[in-house]
Amino acid sequence: MDHATIFAISAAGMTLERSRVEVAALNLANANTTQAAGEAAYRPMRVVARAGAATLPSFAAALGAAESSSAALAALAPTAVLEATGAAPRKVHDPGHPMADERGFVTYPAVDAATEMVTLMSATRAYEANVAAMNTARTLALKALDIGGGA
Protein backbone atom coordinates (compact mmCIF):
# COMPACT_ATOMS: atom_id res chain seq x y z
CA MET A 1 0.00 0.00 0.00
CA ASP A 2 1.24 3.45 -0.89
CA HIS A 3 2.01 5.62 2.12
CA ALA A 4 0.32 8.59 0.45
CA THR A 5 -2.95 6.64 0.55
CA ILE A 6 -2.61 6.09 4.28
CA PHE A 7 -1.84 9.78 4.81
CA ALA A 8 -4.85 10.79 2.68
CA ILE A 9 -7.19 8.54 4.65
CA SER A 10 -5.98 9.96 7.96
CA ALA A 11 -6.18 13.51 6.61
CA ALA A 12 -9.81 12.98 5.53
CA GLY A 13 -10.65 11.71 9.01
CA MET A 14 -8.92 14.65 10.68
CA THR A 15 -10.78 17.12 8.44
CA LEU A 16 -14.11 15.58 9.37
CA GLU A 17 -13.36 15.55 13.10
CA ARG A 18 -12.10 19.14 13.01
CA SER A 19 -15.43 20.15 11.48
CA ARG A 20 -17.29 18.37 14.29
CA VAL A 21 -15.20 20.19 16.92
CA GLU A 22 -15.75 23.57 15.26
CA VAL A 23 -19.52 23.11 15.02
CA ALA A 24 -19.82 21.90 18.63
CA ALA A 25 -17.79 24.91 19.79
CA LEU A 26 -20.02 27.22 17.74
CA ASN A 27 -23.13 25.69 19.29
CA LEU A 28 -21.72 26.14 22.80
CA ALA A 29 -20.73 29.72 22.04
CA ASN A 30 -24.28 30.54 20.93
CA ALA A 31 -26.09 28.59 23.66
CA ASN A 32 -27.13 31.75 25.50
CA THR A 33 -27.82 34.05 22.58
CA THR A 34 -31.33 35.43 22.67
CA GLN A 35 -33.86 35.94 19.96
CA ALA A 36 -35.80 39.17 19.66
CA ALA A 37 -39.51 38.77 19.04
CA GLY A 38 -40.16 38.15 15.35
CA GLU A 39 -36.50 37.54 14.45
CA ALA A 40 -34.77 34.33 13.42
CA ALA A 41 -32.85 32.67 16.23
CA TYR A 42 -29.59 30.79 16.09
CA ARG A 43 -30.28 27.17 15.18
CA PRO A 44 -27.91 24.57 16.60
CA MET A 45 -26.00 22.72 13.89
CA ARG A 46 -24.48 19.28 13.58
CA VAL A 47 -22.04 17.67 11.18
CA VAL A 48 -23.28 14.58 9.38
CA ALA A 49 -20.71 12.42 7.61
CA ARG A 50 -21.92 10.90 4.40
CA ALA A 51 -20.17 8.04 2.63
CA GLY A 52 -18.21 8.82 -0.50
CA ALA A 53 -19.80 8.58 -3.92
CA ALA A 54 -18.07 5.35 -4.88
CA THR A 55 -20.06 2.19 -4.35
CA LEU A 56 -17.92 -0.91 -4.41
CA PRO A 57 -18.93 -4.37 -3.17
CA SER A 58 -16.41 -4.57 -0.32
CA PHE A 59 -13.89 -2.60 1.66
CA ALA A 60 -11.06 -4.53 0.01
CA ALA A 61 -12.34 -3.54 -3.44
CA ALA A 62 -12.66 0.09 -2.37
CA LEU A 63 -9.14 0.10 -0.94
CA GLY A 64 -7.78 -1.53 -4.09
CA ALA A 65 -9.45 1.11 -6.23
CA ALA A 66 -8.09 3.86 -3.98
CA GLU A 67 -4.57 2.47 -4.32
CA SER A 68 -4.80 2.56 -8.10
CA SER A 69 -5.77 6.23 -8.45
CA SER A 70 -6.04 9.35 -6.36
CA ALA A 71 -9.39 10.19 -7.99
CA ALA A 72 -10.85 6.94 -6.64
CA LEU A 73 -9.47 7.80 -3.19
CA ALA A 74 -11.09 11.23 -3.32
CA ALA A 75 -14.42 9.62 -4.28
CA LEU A 76 -14.23 7.34 -1.24
CA ALA A 77 -13.59 10.17 1.23
CA PRO A 78 -16.57 11.02 3.42
CA THR A 79 -18.26 14.34 2.90
CA ALA A 80 -19.27 16.48 5.83
CA VAL A 81 -22.72 18.00 5.58
CA LEU A 82 -23.77 20.74 7.97
CA GLU A 83 -27.39 20.35 9.09
CA ALA A 84 -29.56 22.26 11.52
CA THR A 85 -30.96 20.20 14.36
CA GLY A 86 -34.71 19.99 14.49
CA ALA A 87 -34.92 20.89 18.18
CA ALA A 88 -37.39 23.58 19.12
CA PRO A 89 -35.97 26.66 20.85
CA ARG A 90 -36.25 26.72 24.62
CA LYS A 91 -38.25 29.44 26.30
CA VAL A 92 -37.34 30.85 29.69
CA HIS A 93 -39.69 33.04 31.69
CA ASP A 94 -37.75 36.23 32.48
CA PRO A 95 -40.01 39.28 32.21
CA GLY A 96 -37.18 41.69 33.11
CA HIS A 97 -34.99 40.62 30.19
CA PRO A 98 -34.76 43.18 27.35
CA MET A 99 -35.48 40.49 24.75
CA ALA A 100 -38.58 39.12 26.50
CA ASP A 101 -41.75 38.85 24.45
CA GLU A 102 -45.14 40.24 25.54
CA ARG A 103 -45.73 37.23 27.84
CA GLY A 104 -42.29 37.59 29.48
CA PHE A 105 -40.56 34.66 27.77
CA VAL A 106 -37.04 34.82 26.35
CA THR A 107 -36.20 32.45 23.49
CA TYR A 108 -32.85 30.66 23.51
CA PRO A 109 -31.44 28.10 21.06
CA ALA A 110 -32.00 24.45 21.98
CA VAL A 111 -28.34 23.74 22.68
CA ASP A 112 -27.69 20.91 25.12
CA ALA A 113 -24.33 21.64 26.73
CA ALA A 114 -23.79 18.03 27.81
CA THR A 115 -24.38 16.69 24.30
CA GLU A 116 -22.07 19.28 22.80
CA MET A 117 -19.33 18.46 25.32
CA VAL A 118 -19.63 14.75 24.52
CA THR A 119 -19.39 15.62 20.82
CA LEU A 120 -16.30 17.71 21.52
CA MET A 121 -14.65 14.92 23.47
CA SER A 122 -15.44 12.15 20.98
CA ALA A 123 -14.35 14.26 18.00
CA THR A 124 -11.13 15.18 19.78
CA ARG A 125 -10.39 11.52 20.54
CA ALA A 126 -11.14 10.50 16.94
CA TYR A 127 -8.88 13.30 15.68
CA GLU A 128 -6.11 12.07 18.00
CA ALA A 129 -6.59 8.51 16.70
CA ASN A 130 -6.17 9.73 13.12
CA VAL A 131 -3.03 11.63 14.11
CA ALA A 132 -1.67 8.48 15.78
CA ALA A 133 -2.39 6.44 12.65
CA MET A 134 -0.64 9.01 10.49
CA ASN A 135 2.37 9.12 12.82
CA THR A 136 2.58 5.32 12.82
CA ALA A 137 2.48 5.27 9.02
CA ARG A 138 5.22 7.91 8.92
CA THR A 139 7.35 5.90 11.34
CA LEU A 140 6.84 2.74 9.29
CA ALA A 141 7.77 4.56 6.09
CA LEU A 142 10.95 5.90 7.71
CA LYS A 143 11.86 2.45 9.03
CA ALA A 144 11.33 0.97 5.56
CA LEU A 145 13.69 3.58 4.14
CA ASP A 146 16.25 2.76 6.84
CA ILE A 147 16.01 -0.96 6.09
CA GLY A 148 16.21 -0.39 2.34
CA GLY A 149 19.09 2.09 2.67
CA GLY A 150 21.17 -0.22 4.87
CA ALA A 151 21.17 -3.15 2.45
C-alpha atoms as a PDB file:
ATOM      1  CA  MET A   1       0.000   0.000   0.000  1.00  0.00           C
ATOM      2  CA  ASP A   2       1.239   3.450  -0.886  1.00  0.00           C
ATOM      3  CA  HIS A   3       2.010   5.624   2.124  1.00  0.00           C
ATOM      4  CA  ALA A   4       0.324   8.588   0.451  1.00  0.00           C
ATOM      5  CA  THR A   5      -2.947   6.644   0.547  1.00  0.00           C
ATOM      6  CA  ILE A   6      -2.606   6.092   4.283  1.00  0.00           C
ATOM      7  CA  PHE A   7      -1.844   9.777   4.808  1.00  0.00           C
ATOM      8  CA  ALA A   8      -4.849  10.790   2.679  1.00  0.00           C
ATOM      9  CA  ILE A   9      -7.188   8.540   4.651  1.00  0.00           C
ATOM     10  CA  SER A  10      -5.981   9.959   7.957  1.00  0.00           C
ATOM     11  CA  ALA A  11      -6.185  13.506   6.614  1.00  0.00           C
ATOM     12  CA  ALA A  12      -9.806  12.984   5.531  1.00  0.00           C
ATOM     13  CA  GLY A  13     -10.655  11.707   9.008  1.00  0.00           C
ATOM     14  CA  MET A  14      -8.920  14.648  10.675  1.00  0.00           C
ATOM     15  CA  THR A  15     -10.776  17.116   8.444  1.00  0.00           C
ATOM     16  CA  LEU A  16     -14.110  15.579   9.372  1.00  0.00           C
ATOM     17  CA  GLU A  17     -13.364  15.547  13.097  1.00  0.00           C
ATOM     18  CA  ARG A  18     -12.098  19.139  13.006  1.00  0.00           C
ATOM     19  CA  SER A  19     -15.435  20.149  11.478  1.00  0.00           C
ATOM     20  CA  ARG A  20     -17.286  18.371  14.295  1.00  0.00           C
ATOM     21  CA  VAL A  21     -15.201  20.193  16.916  1.00  0.00           C
ATOM     22  CA  GLU A  22     -15.753  23.575  15.261  1.00  0.00           C
ATOM     23  CA  VAL A  23     -19.524  23.111  15.024  1.00  0.00           C
ATOM     24  CA  ALA A  24     -19.820  21.902  18.631  1.00  0.00           C
ATOM     25  CA  ALA A  25     -17.793  24.908  19.795  1.00  0.00           C
ATOM     26  CA  LEU A  26     -20.024  27.220  17.736  1.00  0.00           C
ATOM     27  CA  ASN A  27     -23.129  25.688  19.292  1.00  0.00           C
ATOM     28  CA  LEU A  28     -21.724  26.138  22.801  1.00  0.00           C
ATOM     29  CA  ALA A  29     -20.727  29.725  22.045  1.00  0.00           C
ATOM     30  CA  ASN A  30     -24.280  30.536  20.934  1.00  0.00           C
ATOM     31  CA  ALA A  31     -26.087  28.586  23.657  1.00  0.00           C
ATOM     32  CA  ASN A  32     -27.133  31.745  25.499  1.00  0.00           C
ATOM     33  CA  THR A  33     -27.824  34.049  22.580  1.00  0.00           C
ATOM     34  CA  THR A  34     -31.330  35.426  22.667  1.00  0.00           C
ATOM     35  CA  GLN A  35     -33.859  35.940  19.961  1.00  0.00           C
ATOM     36  CA  ALA A  36     -35.796  39.166  19.656  1.00  0.00           C
ATOM     37  CA  ALA A  37     -39.510  38.767  19.037  1.00  0.00           C
ATOM     38  CA  GLY A  38     -40.156  38.149  15.349  1.00  0.00           C
ATOM     39  CA  GLU A  39     -36.500  37.542  14.447  1.00  0.00           C
ATOM     40  CA  ALA A  40     -34.774  34.326  13.425  1.00  0.00           C
ATOM     41  CA  ALA A  41     -32.846  32.667  16.230  1.00  0.00           C
ATOM     42  CA  TYR A  42     -29.585  30.788  16.094  1.00  0.00           C
ATOM     43  CA  ARG A  43     -30.275  27.175  15.178  1.00  0.00           C
ATOM     44  CA  PRO A  44     -27.905  24.568  16.597  1.00  0.00           C
ATOM     45  CA  MET A  45     -26.002  22.723  13.891  1.00  0.00           C
ATOM     46  CA  ARG A  46     -24.483  19.277  13.577  1.00  0.00           C
ATOM     47  CA  VAL A  47     -22.038  17.666  11.181  1.00  0.00           C
ATOM     48  CA  VAL A  48     -23.278  14.583   9.384  1.00  0.00           C
ATOM     49  CA  ALA A  49     -20.711  12.425   7.608  1.00  0.00           C
ATOM     50  CA  ARG A  50     -21.924  10.896   4.396  1.00  0.00           C
ATOM     51  CA  ALA A  51     -20.170   8.041   2.629  1.00  0.00           C
ATOM     52  CA  GLY A  52     -18.214   8.825  -0.499  1.00  0.00           C
ATOM     53  CA  ALA A  53     -19.800   8.580  -3.924  1.00  0.00           C
ATOM     54  CA  ALA A  54     -18.069   5.354  -4.879  1.00  0.00           C
ATOM     55  CA  THR A  55     -20.056   2.191  -4.347  1.00  0.00           C
ATOM     56  CA  LEU A  56     -17.924  -0.914  -4.414  1.00  0.00           C
ATOM     57  CA  PRO A  57     -18.926  -4.371  -3.169  1.00  0.00           C
ATOM     58  CA  SER A  58     -16.415  -4.570  -0.322  1.00  0.00           C
ATOM     59  CA  PHE A  59     -13.893  -2.601   1.661  1.00  0.00           C
ATOM     60  CA  ALA A  60     -11.056  -4.527   0.010  1.00  0.00           C
ATOM     61  CA  ALA A  61     -12.344  -3.540  -3.436  1.00  0.00           C
ATOM     62  CA  ALA A  62     -12.658   0.087  -2.365  1.00  0.00           C
ATOM     63  CA  LEU A  63      -9.137   0.101  -0.942  1.00  0.00           C
ATOM     64  CA  GLY A  64      -7.776  -1.532  -4.087  1.00  0.00           C
ATOM     65  CA  ALA A  65      -9.451   1.114  -6.232  1.00  0.00           C
ATOM     66  CA  ALA A  66      -8.091   3.859  -3.984  1.00  0.00           C
ATOM     67  CA  GLU A  67      -4.570   2.470  -4.319  1.00  0.00           C
ATOM     68  CA  SER A  68      -4.797   2.564  -8.098  1.00  0.00           C
ATOM     69  CA  SER A  69      -5.774   6.225  -8.449  1.00  0.00           C
ATOM     70  CA  SER A  70      -6.038   9.347  -6.355  1.00  0.00           C
ATOM     71  CA  ALA A  71      -9.387  10.193  -7.993  1.00  0.00           C
ATOM     72  CA  ALA A  72     -10.846   6.940  -6.641  1.00  0.00           C
ATOM     73  CA  LEU A  73      -9.469   7.798  -3.192  1.00  0.00           C
ATOM     74  CA  ALA A  74     -11.095  11.232  -3.324  1.00  0.00           C
ATOM     75  CA  ALA A  75     -14.417   9.616  -4.282  1.00  0.00           C
ATOM     76  CA  LEU A  76     -14.230   7.341  -1.242  1.00  0.00           C
ATOM     77  CA  ALA A  77     -13.592  10.166   1.229  1.00  0.00           C
ATOM     78  CA  PRO A  78     -16.568  11.019   3.425  1.00  0.00           C
ATOM     79  CA  THR A  79     -18.255  14.338   2.896  1.00  0.00           C
ATOM     80  CA  ALA A  80     -19.271  16.476   5.832  1.00  0.00           C
ATOM     81  CA  VAL A  81     -22.725  17.997   5.581  1.00  0.00           C
ATOM     82  CA  LEU A  82     -23.773  20.736   7.974  1.00  0.00           C
ATOM     83  CA  GLU A  83     -27.393  20.352   9.090  1.00  0.00           C
ATOM     84  CA  ALA A  84     -29.558  22.263  11.521  1.00  0.00           C
ATOM     85  CA  THR A  85     -30.956  20.200  14.359  1.00  0.00           C
ATOM     86  CA  GLY A  86     -34.709  19.991  14.494  1.00  0.00           C
ATOM     87  CA  ALA A  87     -34.920  20.888  18.179  1.00  0.00           C
ATOM     88  CA  ALA A  88     -37.385  23.583  19.120  1.00  0.00           C
ATOM     89  CA  PRO A  89     -35.973  26.655  20.850  1.00  0.00           C
ATOM     90  CA  ARG A  90     -36.255  26.723  24.616  1.00  0.00           C
ATOM     91  CA  LYS A  91     -38.255  29.439  26.296  1.00  0.00           C
ATOM     92  CA  VAL A  92     -37.345  30.850  29.688  1.00  0.00           C
ATOM     93  CA  HIS A  93     -39.685  33.044  31.693  1.00  0.00           C
ATOM     94  CA  ASP A  94     -37.750  36.231  32.482  1.00  0.00           C
ATOM     95  CA  PRO A  95     -40.010  39.284  32.209  1.00  0.00           C
ATOM     96  CA  GLY A  96     -37.183  41.694  33.115  1.00  0.00           C
ATOM     97  CA  HIS A  97     -34.991  40.622  30.189  1.00  0.00           C
ATOM     98  CA  PRO A  98     -34.762  43.178  27.355  1.00  0.00           C
ATOM     99  CA  MET A  99     -35.484  40.485  24.748  1.00  0.00           C
ATOM    100  CA  ALA A 100     -38.575  39.121  26.504  1.00  0.00           C
ATOM    101  CA  ASP A 101     -41.754  38.852  24.455  1.00  0.00           C
ATOM    102  CA  GLU A 102     -45.144  40.242  25.537  1.00  0.00           C
ATOM    103  CA  ARG A 103     -45.730  37.230  27.835  1.00  0.00           C
ATOM    104  CA  GLY A 104     -42.287  37.592  29.481  1.00  0.00           C
ATOM    105  CA  PHE A 105     -40.556  34.658  27.772  1.00  0.00           C
ATOM    106  CA  VAL A 106     -37.035  34.819  26.351  1.00  0.00           C
ATOM    107  CA  THR A 107     -36.202  32.449  23.493  1.00  0.00           C
ATOM    108  CA  TYR A 108     -32.846  30.656  23.513  1.00  0.00           C
ATOM    109  CA  PRO A 109     -31.437  28.099  21.059  1.00  0.00           C
ATOM    110  CA  ALA A 110     -31.998  24.446  21.978  1.00  0.00           C
ATOM    111  CA  VAL A 111     -28.341  23.741  22.685  1.00  0.00           C
ATOM    112  CA  ASP A 112     -27.688  20.911  25.120  1.00  0.00           C
ATOM    113  CA  ALA A 113     -24.326  21.642  26.730  1.00  0.00           C
ATOM    114  CA  ALA A 114     -23.792  18.025  27.813  1.00  0.00           C
ATOM    115  CA  THR A 115     -24.381  16.691  24.299  1.00  0.00           C
ATOM    116  CA  GLU A 116     -22.066  19.284  22.803  1.00  0.00           C
ATOM    117  CA  MET A 117     -19.329  18.458  25.321  1.00  0.00           C
ATOM    118  CA  VAL A 118     -19.630  14.747  24.517  1.00  0.00           C
ATOM    119  CA  THR A 119     -19.388  15.617  20.821  1.00  0.00           C
ATOM    120  CA  LEU A 120     -16.298  17.708  21.518  1.00  0.00           C
ATOM    121  CA  MET A 121     -14.652  14.918  23.475  1.00  0.00           C
ATOM    122  CA  SER A 122     -15.436  12.152  20.982  1.00  0.00           C
ATOM    123  CA  ALA A 123     -14.355  14.264  18.000  1.00  0.00           C
ATOM    124  CA  THR A 124     -11.127  15.182  19.781  1.00  0.00           C
ATOM    125  CA  ARG A 125     -10.389  11.524  20.539  1.00  0.00           C
ATOM    126  CA  ALA A 126     -11.145  10.498  16.942  1.00  0.00           C
ATOM    127  CA  TYR A 127      -8.877  13.298  15.684  1.00  0.00           C
ATOM    128  CA  GLU A 128      -6.112  12.070  17.996  1.00  0.00           C
ATOM    129  CA  ALA A 129      -6.593   8.508  16.700  1.00  0.00           C
ATOM    130  CA  ASN A 130      -6.166   9.728  13.120  1.00  0.00           C
ATOM    131  CA  VAL A 131      -3.026  11.633  14.112  1.00  0.00           C
ATOM    132  CA  ALA A 132      -1.667   8.485  15.783  1.00  0.00           C
ATOM    133  CA  ALA A 133      -2.393   6.436  12.652  1.00  0.00           C
ATOM    134  CA  MET A 134      -0.638   9.015  10.485  1.00  0.00           C
ATOM    135  CA  ASN A 135       2.372   9.117  12.815  1.00  0.00           C
ATOM    136  CA  THR A 136       2.575   5.323  12.815  1.00  0.00           C
ATOM    137  CA  ALA A 137       2.480   5.268   9.020  1.00  0.00           C
ATOM    138  CA  ARG A 138       5.215   7.908   8.920  1.00  0.00           C
ATOM    139  CA  THR A 139       7.350   5.900  11.342  1.00  0.00           C
ATOM    140  CA  LEU A 140       6.843   2.738   9.285  1.00  0.00           C
ATOM    141  CA  ALA A 141       7.775   4.564   6.094  1.00  0.00           C
ATOM    142  CA  LEU A 142      10.953   5.899   7.708  1.00  0.00           C
ATOM    143  CA  LYS A 143      11.856   2.446   9.032  1.00  0.00           C
ATOM    144  CA  ALA A 144      11.328   0.967   5.563  1.00  0.00           C
ATOM    145  CA  LEU A 145      13.695   3.583   4.142  1.00  0.00           C
ATOM    146  CA  ASP A 146      16.255   2.760   6.845  1.00  0.00           C
ATOM    147  CA  ILE A 147      16.011  -0.963   6.094  1.00  0.00           C
ATOM    148  CA  GLY A 148      16.209  -0.391   2.345  1.00  0.00           C
ATOM    149  CA  GLY A 149      19.094   2.087   2.666  1.00  0.00           C
ATOM    150  CA  GLY A 150      21.171  -0.225   4.868  1.00  0.00           C
ATOM    151  CA  ALA A 151      21.166  -3.149   2.453  1.00  0.00           C
END
